[in-house]
Amino acid sequence: MLTNINPKLPMRNKSATRDFYINQLGFQEIGDYEGYLMVQKDKIEIHFFEFKALDPKENYGQVYIRTNDIDGLYKSMLDHKTAIHPNGALQNKPWGQKEFALLDPDNNLLTFGQSI
């Protein structure tokens, strides 16, 4: 039986990744190891592996995170002055989701969505 999924995304700089996820997105650190970082918010856990040679322009890491308060989450991001992806403003999508997206310091795409 499958019980959970925890995506693993690349990071170039652990301090920058930690700062972004904790101070911008409100996650908590739950693990810090040599070349590895783990953060959690509510029921969402994301892991990061060190990849110093990563070229952010060639990074295709993506995570889709579902929420039950898309409007409140979006407002929180704006209140924290978190940069929203230029093509990722909050909007209703034809597939029945209300979504917005942003990029982390390594260009991992985080899309947040709620069913409408």
N, C-alpha and C. Protein backbone atom coordinates (compact mmCIF):
# COMPACT_ATOMS: atom_id res chain seq x y z
N MET A 1 0.84 -1.17 0.00
CA MET A 1 0.00 0.00 0.00
C MET A 1 0.89 1.24 0.00
N LEU A 2 0.61 2.19 -0.87
CA LEU A 2 1.33 3.46 -0.92
C LEU A 2 0.70 4.42 0.08
N THR A 3 1.51 5.16 0.80
CA THR A 3 0.97 6.04 1.84
C THR A 3 1.34 7.50 1.69
N ASN A 4 2.40 7.81 0.94
CA ASN A 4 2.84 9.20 0.87
C ASN A 4 3.83 9.35 -0.28
N ILE A 5 4.04 10.58 -0.70
CA ILE A 5 5.08 10.88 -1.68
C ILE A 5 5.83 12.12 -1.22
N ASN A 6 7.15 12.05 -1.31
CA ASN A 6 8.00 13.16 -0.90
C ASN A 6 8.96 13.46 -2.05
N PRO A 7 8.67 14.47 -2.84
CA PRO A 7 9.53 14.77 -3.99
C PRO A 7 10.94 15.16 -3.55
N LYS A 8 11.90 14.83 -4.41
CA LYS A 8 13.29 15.20 -4.20
C LYS A 8 13.68 16.15 -5.33
N LEU A 9 14.12 17.34 -4.96
CA LEU A 9 14.47 18.37 -5.93
C LEU A 9 15.94 18.75 -5.78
N PRO A 10 16.57 19.19 -6.86
CA PRO A 10 17.97 19.60 -6.77
C PRO A 10 18.11 20.99 -6.14
N MET A 11 19.25 21.18 -5.46
CA MET A 11 19.58 22.49 -4.90
C MET A 11 21.07 22.73 -5.09
N ARG A 12 21.43 23.97 -5.36
CA ARG A 12 22.84 24.32 -5.48
C ARG A 12 23.42 24.76 -4.15
N ASN A 13 22.61 25.44 -3.35
CA ASN A 13 23.10 26.05 -2.12
C ASN A 13 22.08 25.78 -1.01
N LYS A 14 22.47 24.98 -0.04
CA LYS A 14 21.54 24.58 1.02
C LYS A 14 21.04 25.79 1.81
N SER A 15 21.89 26.75 2.10
CA SER A 15 21.47 27.92 2.87
C SER A 15 20.41 28.72 2.13
N ALA A 16 20.59 28.92 0.83
CA ALA A 16 19.61 29.67 0.04
C ALA A 16 18.29 28.91 -0.04
N THR A 17 18.36 27.60 -0.22
CA THR A 17 17.14 26.78 -0.29
C THR A 17 16.42 26.82 1.04
N ARG A 18 17.14 26.62 2.13
CA ARG A 18 16.55 26.65 3.48
C ARG A 18 15.87 28.00 3.73
N ASP A 19 16.58 29.07 3.43
CA ASP A 19 16.04 30.42 3.66
C ASP A 19 14.74 30.63 2.87
N PHE A 20 14.72 30.24 1.62
CA PHE A 20 13.53 30.44 0.78
C PHE A 20 12.34 29.65 1.31
N TYR A 21 12.54 28.37 1.57
CA TYR A 21 11.40 27.54 1.98
C TYR A 21 10.92 27.88 3.39
N ILE A 22 11.82 28.26 4.28
CA ILE A 22 11.42 28.58 5.65
C ILE A 22 10.89 30.01 5.75
N ASN A 23 11.65 30.98 5.25
CA ASN A 23 11.28 32.39 5.44
C ASN A 23 10.29 32.92 4.42
N GLN A 24 10.26 32.35 3.23
CA GLN A 24 9.31 32.82 2.21
C GLN A 24 8.03 31.98 2.17
N LEU A 25 8.18 30.67 2.32
CA LEU A 25 7.03 29.78 2.15
C LEU A 25 6.48 29.22 3.45
N GLY A 26 7.17 29.42 4.56
CA GLY A 26 6.65 28.99 5.86
C GLY A 26 6.84 27.52 6.19
N PHE A 27 7.78 26.85 5.53
CA PHE A 27 8.09 25.46 5.86
C PHE A 27 8.95 25.42 7.12
N GLN A 28 9.08 24.24 7.69
CA GLN A 28 9.98 24.00 8.83
C GLN A 28 11.02 22.97 8.41
N GLU A 29 12.23 23.16 8.88
CA GLU A 29 13.27 22.18 8.60
C GLU A 29 13.04 20.94 9.45
N ILE A 30 13.09 19.78 8.83
CA ILE A 30 12.92 18.53 9.57
C ILE A 30 14.12 17.60 9.42
N GLY A 31 15.10 18.00 8.60
CA GLY A 31 16.30 17.19 8.44
C GLY A 31 17.37 17.96 7.69
N ASP A 32 18.60 17.88 8.21
CA ASP A 32 19.73 18.55 7.58
C ASP A 32 20.91 17.60 7.67
N TYR A 33 21.32 17.10 6.52
CA TYR A 33 22.39 16.12 6.44
C TYR A 33 23.41 16.58 5.40
N GLU A 34 24.52 15.92 5.34
CA GLU A 34 25.54 16.24 4.35
C GLU A 34 24.93 16.18 2.94
N GLY A 35 24.81 17.33 2.30
CA GLY A 35 24.29 17.39 0.94
C GLY A 35 22.80 17.11 0.80
N TYR A 36 22.05 17.19 1.89
CA TYR A 36 20.63 16.83 1.84
C TYR A 36 19.85 17.68 2.83
N LEU A 37 18.67 18.14 2.43
CA LEU A 37 17.81 18.97 3.28
C LEU A 37 16.38 18.48 3.15
N MET A 38 15.65 18.49 4.27
CA MET A 38 14.24 18.10 4.27
C MET A 38 13.43 19.19 4.96
N VAL A 39 12.32 19.60 4.32
CA VAL A 39 11.43 20.61 4.90
C VAL A 39 10.00 20.09 4.87
N GLN A 40 9.17 20.66 5.76
CA GLN A 40 7.78 20.22 5.85
C GLN A 40 6.89 21.41 6.19
N LYS A 41 5.69 21.39 5.61
CA LYS A 41 4.64 22.34 5.96
C LYS A 41 3.32 21.58 5.89
N ASP A 42 2.58 21.61 6.98
CA ASP A 42 1.34 20.84 7.06
C ASP A 42 1.67 19.38 6.73
N LYS A 43 1.04 18.82 5.71
CA LYS A 43 1.28 17.42 5.35
C LYS A 43 2.24 17.26 4.17
N ILE A 44 2.85 18.37 3.76
CA ILE A 44 3.74 18.36 2.60
C ILE A 44 5.19 18.31 3.06
N GLU A 45 5.93 17.36 2.54
CA GLU A 45 7.35 17.21 2.84
C GLU A 45 8.11 17.22 1.52
N ILE A 46 9.15 18.05 1.43
CA ILE A 46 9.98 18.13 0.23
C ILE A 46 11.43 17.88 0.66
N HIS A 47 12.12 17.06 -0.12
CA HIS A 47 13.53 16.77 0.12
C HIS A 47 14.35 17.43 -0.99
N PHE A 48 15.58 17.80 -0.65
CA PHE A 48 16.49 18.43 -1.61
C PHE A 48 17.84 17.74 -1.55
N PHE A 49 18.41 17.48 -2.71
CA PHE A 49 19.74 16.90 -2.78
C PHE A 49 20.69 17.93 -3.40
N GLU A 50 21.91 17.95 -2.91
CA GLU A 50 22.89 18.92 -3.39
C GLU A 50 23.32 18.57 -4.82
N PHE A 51 23.29 19.59 -5.67
CA PHE A 51 23.70 19.47 -7.07
C PHE A 51 24.35 20.79 -7.43
N LYS A 52 25.60 20.96 -7.01
CA LYS A 52 26.30 22.25 -7.16
C LYS A 52 26.46 22.66 -8.62
N ALA A 53 26.55 21.69 -9.52
CA ALA A 53 26.76 22.00 -10.94
C ALA A 53 25.45 22.28 -11.68
N LEU A 54 24.34 22.30 -10.98
CA LEU A 54 23.04 22.54 -11.61
C LEU A 54 23.02 23.88 -12.33
N ASP A 55 22.57 23.87 -13.56
CA ASP A 55 22.32 25.10 -14.30
C ASP A 55 20.82 25.37 -14.18
N PRO A 56 20.43 26.41 -13.40
CA PRO A 56 19.00 26.65 -13.19
C PRO A 56 18.21 26.80 -14.49
N LYS A 57 18.84 27.28 -15.55
CA LYS A 57 18.14 27.44 -16.82
C LYS A 57 17.82 26.10 -17.46
N GLU A 58 18.46 25.04 -16.98
CA GLU A 58 18.22 23.70 -17.53
C GLU A 58 17.55 22.79 -16.50
N ASN A 59 17.04 23.36 -15.43
CA ASN A 59 16.38 22.57 -14.39
C ASN A 59 14.89 22.46 -14.70
N TYR A 60 14.41 21.23 -14.73
CA TYR A 60 13.00 20.99 -15.02
C TYR A 60 12.27 20.40 -13.82
N GLY A 61 12.84 20.56 -12.59
CA GLY A 61 12.19 20.07 -11.39
C GLY A 61 10.84 20.75 -11.19
N GLN A 62 9.81 19.96 -10.93
CA GLN A 62 8.46 20.50 -10.74
C GLN A 62 7.71 19.70 -9.69
N VAL A 63 6.91 20.41 -8.92
CA VAL A 63 6.05 19.78 -7.93
C VAL A 63 4.68 20.45 -7.99
N TYR A 64 3.62 19.64 -7.96
CA TYR A 64 2.25 20.17 -7.89
C TYR A 64 1.75 19.91 -6.48
N ILE A 65 1.39 20.98 -5.77
CA ILE A 65 0.96 20.87 -4.37
C ILE A 65 -0.50 21.29 -4.28
N ARG A 66 -1.33 20.41 -3.79
CA ARG A 66 -2.75 20.74 -3.61
C ARG A 66 -2.97 21.41 -2.27
N THR A 67 -3.95 22.31 -2.24
CA THR A 67 -4.29 23.05 -1.03
C THR A 67 -5.80 23.13 -0.91
N ASN A 68 -6.29 23.43 0.29
CA ASN A 68 -7.73 23.65 0.46
C ASN A 68 -8.03 25.13 0.72
N ASP A 69 -7.01 26.00 0.54
CA ASP A 69 -7.19 27.45 0.71
C ASP A 69 -6.28 28.20 -0.25
N ILE A 70 -6.54 28.04 -1.53
CA ILE A 70 -5.67 28.65 -2.55
C ILE A 70 -5.64 30.17 -2.44
N ASP A 71 -6.79 30.79 -2.15
CA ASP A 71 -6.82 32.25 -2.05
C ASP A 71 -5.99 32.75 -0.86
N GLY A 72 -6.11 32.09 0.28
CA GLY A 72 -5.34 32.48 1.45
C GLY A 72 -3.85 32.25 1.25
N LEU A 73 -3.50 31.15 0.61
CA LEU A 73 -2.10 30.85 0.36
C LEU A 73 -1.49 31.87 -0.60
N TYR A 74 -2.22 32.19 -1.65
CA TYR A 74 -1.75 33.19 -2.62
C TYR A 74 -1.55 34.54 -1.94
N LYS A 75 -2.50 34.95 -1.11
CA LYS A 75 -2.39 36.22 -0.39
C LYS A 75 -1.17 36.20 0.53
N SER A 76 -0.94 35.08 1.19
CA SER A 76 0.22 34.94 2.06
C SER A 76 1.52 35.11 1.28
N MET A 77 1.58 34.53 0.09
CA MET A 77 2.78 34.68 -0.75
C MET A 77 2.99 36.14 -1.13
N LEU A 78 1.92 36.80 -1.51
CA LEU A 78 2.03 38.22 -1.87
C LEU A 78 2.43 39.06 -0.66
N ASP A 79 1.86 38.76 0.51
CA ASP A 79 2.20 39.49 1.73
C ASP A 79 3.67 39.33 2.10
N HIS A 80 4.25 38.15 1.80
CA HIS A 80 5.67 37.89 2.08
C HIS A 80 6.57 38.33 0.92
N LYS A 81 5.95 38.99 -0.07
CA LYS A 81 6.67 39.47 -1.25
C LYS A 81 7.41 38.34 -1.98
N THR A 82 6.80 37.16 -1.97
CA THR A 82 7.33 36.03 -2.71
C THR A 82 7.01 36.23 -4.18
N ALA A 83 8.03 36.14 -5.01
CA ALA A 83 7.84 36.36 -6.46
C ALA A 83 6.99 35.24 -7.05
N ILE A 84 5.92 35.61 -7.71
CA ILE A 84 5.06 34.68 -8.43
C ILE A 84 5.62 34.53 -9.84
N HIS A 85 5.57 33.33 -10.39
CA HIS A 85 6.07 33.09 -11.74
C HIS A 85 5.38 34.06 -12.71
N PRO A 86 6.11 34.63 -13.67
CA PRO A 86 5.49 35.58 -14.61
C PRO A 86 4.26 35.03 -15.32
N ASN A 87 4.23 33.73 -15.56
CA ASN A 87 3.06 33.11 -16.20
C ASN A 87 2.22 32.34 -15.20
N GLY A 88 2.41 32.60 -13.89
CA GLY A 88 1.77 31.77 -12.89
C GLY A 88 0.86 32.48 -11.92
N ALA A 89 0.31 33.62 -12.32
CA ALA A 89 -0.63 34.32 -11.43
C ALA A 89 -1.85 33.45 -11.15
N LEU A 90 -2.49 33.71 -10.05
CA LEU A 90 -3.67 32.93 -9.65
C LEU A 90 -4.75 33.03 -10.71
N GLN A 91 -5.20 31.85 -11.16
CA GLN A 91 -6.25 31.83 -12.18
C GLN A 91 -6.93 30.47 -12.21
N ASN A 92 -8.15 30.46 -12.73
CA ASN A 92 -8.89 29.23 -12.93
C ASN A 92 -8.42 28.57 -14.23
N LYS A 93 -8.17 27.28 -14.15
CA LYS A 93 -7.68 26.53 -15.31
C LYS A 93 -8.80 25.68 -15.89
N PRO A 94 -8.73 25.36 -17.18
CA PRO A 94 -9.78 24.57 -17.81
C PRO A 94 -9.91 23.15 -17.25
N TRP A 95 -8.91 22.67 -16.55
CA TRP A 95 -8.96 21.32 -15.97
C TRP A 95 -9.55 21.32 -14.58
N GLY A 96 -10.24 22.40 -14.20
CA GLY A 96 -10.99 22.43 -12.95
C GLY A 96 -10.18 22.75 -11.71
N GLN A 97 -9.05 23.40 -11.88
CA GLN A 97 -8.21 23.80 -10.76
C GLN A 97 -8.02 25.31 -10.77
N LYS A 98 -7.91 25.88 -9.58
CA LYS A 98 -7.49 27.27 -9.41
C LYS A 98 -6.04 27.19 -8.97
N GLU A 99 -5.13 27.83 -9.71
CA GLU A 99 -3.71 27.61 -9.50
C GLU A 99 -2.90 28.90 -9.54
N PHE A 100 -1.70 28.80 -8.94
CA PHE A 100 -0.64 29.78 -9.16
C PHE A 100 0.69 29.03 -9.05
N ALA A 101 1.75 29.67 -9.53
CA ALA A 101 3.05 29.00 -9.54
C ALA A 101 4.16 29.97 -9.21
N LEU A 102 5.26 29.42 -8.72
CA LEU A 102 6.46 30.21 -8.43
C LEU A 102 7.69 29.34 -8.64
N LEU A 103 8.84 29.99 -8.68
CA LEU A 103 10.12 29.30 -8.83
C LEU A 103 10.94 29.47 -7.57
N ASP A 104 11.62 28.40 -7.16
CA ASP A 104 12.52 28.52 -6.02
C ASP A 104 13.89 29.01 -6.51
N PRO A 105 14.87 29.17 -5.64
CA PRO A 105 16.17 29.71 -6.07
C PRO A 105 16.88 28.90 -7.15
N ASP A 106 16.51 27.64 -7.34
CA ASP A 106 17.15 26.80 -8.35
C ASP A 106 16.25 26.55 -9.55
N ASN A 107 15.18 27.32 -9.67
CA ASN A 107 14.20 27.22 -10.76
C ASN A 107 13.37 25.95 -10.71
N ASN A 108 13.24 25.34 -9.54
CA ASN A 108 12.25 24.28 -9.38
C ASN A 108 10.89 24.96 -9.39
N LEU A 109 9.99 24.47 -10.23
CA LEU A 109 8.66 25.05 -10.36
C LEU A 109 7.72 24.46 -9.32
N LEU A 110 7.13 25.31 -8.51
CA LEU A 110 6.13 24.89 -7.51
C LEU A 110 4.79 25.43 -7.97
N THR A 111 3.85 24.53 -8.26
CA THR A 111 2.50 24.93 -8.64
C THR A 111 1.57 24.53 -7.51
N PHE A 112 0.75 25.47 -7.06
CA PHE A 112 -0.21 25.24 -5.99
C PHE A 112 -1.59 25.25 -6.62
N GLY A 113 -2.45 24.28 -6.27
CA GLY A 113 -3.75 24.22 -6.88
C GLY A 113 -4.84 23.72 -5.94
N GLN A 114 -6.06 24.15 -6.25
CA GLN A 114 -7.24 23.72 -5.51
C GLN A 114 -8.36 23.45 -6.52
N SER A 115 -9.10 22.38 -6.27
CA SER A 115 -10.23 22.07 -7.14
C SER A 115 -11.29 23.15 -7.03
N ILE A 116 -11.90 23.48 -8.18
CA ILE A 116 -12.98 24.48 -8.18
C ILE A 116 -14.29 23.83 -8.60
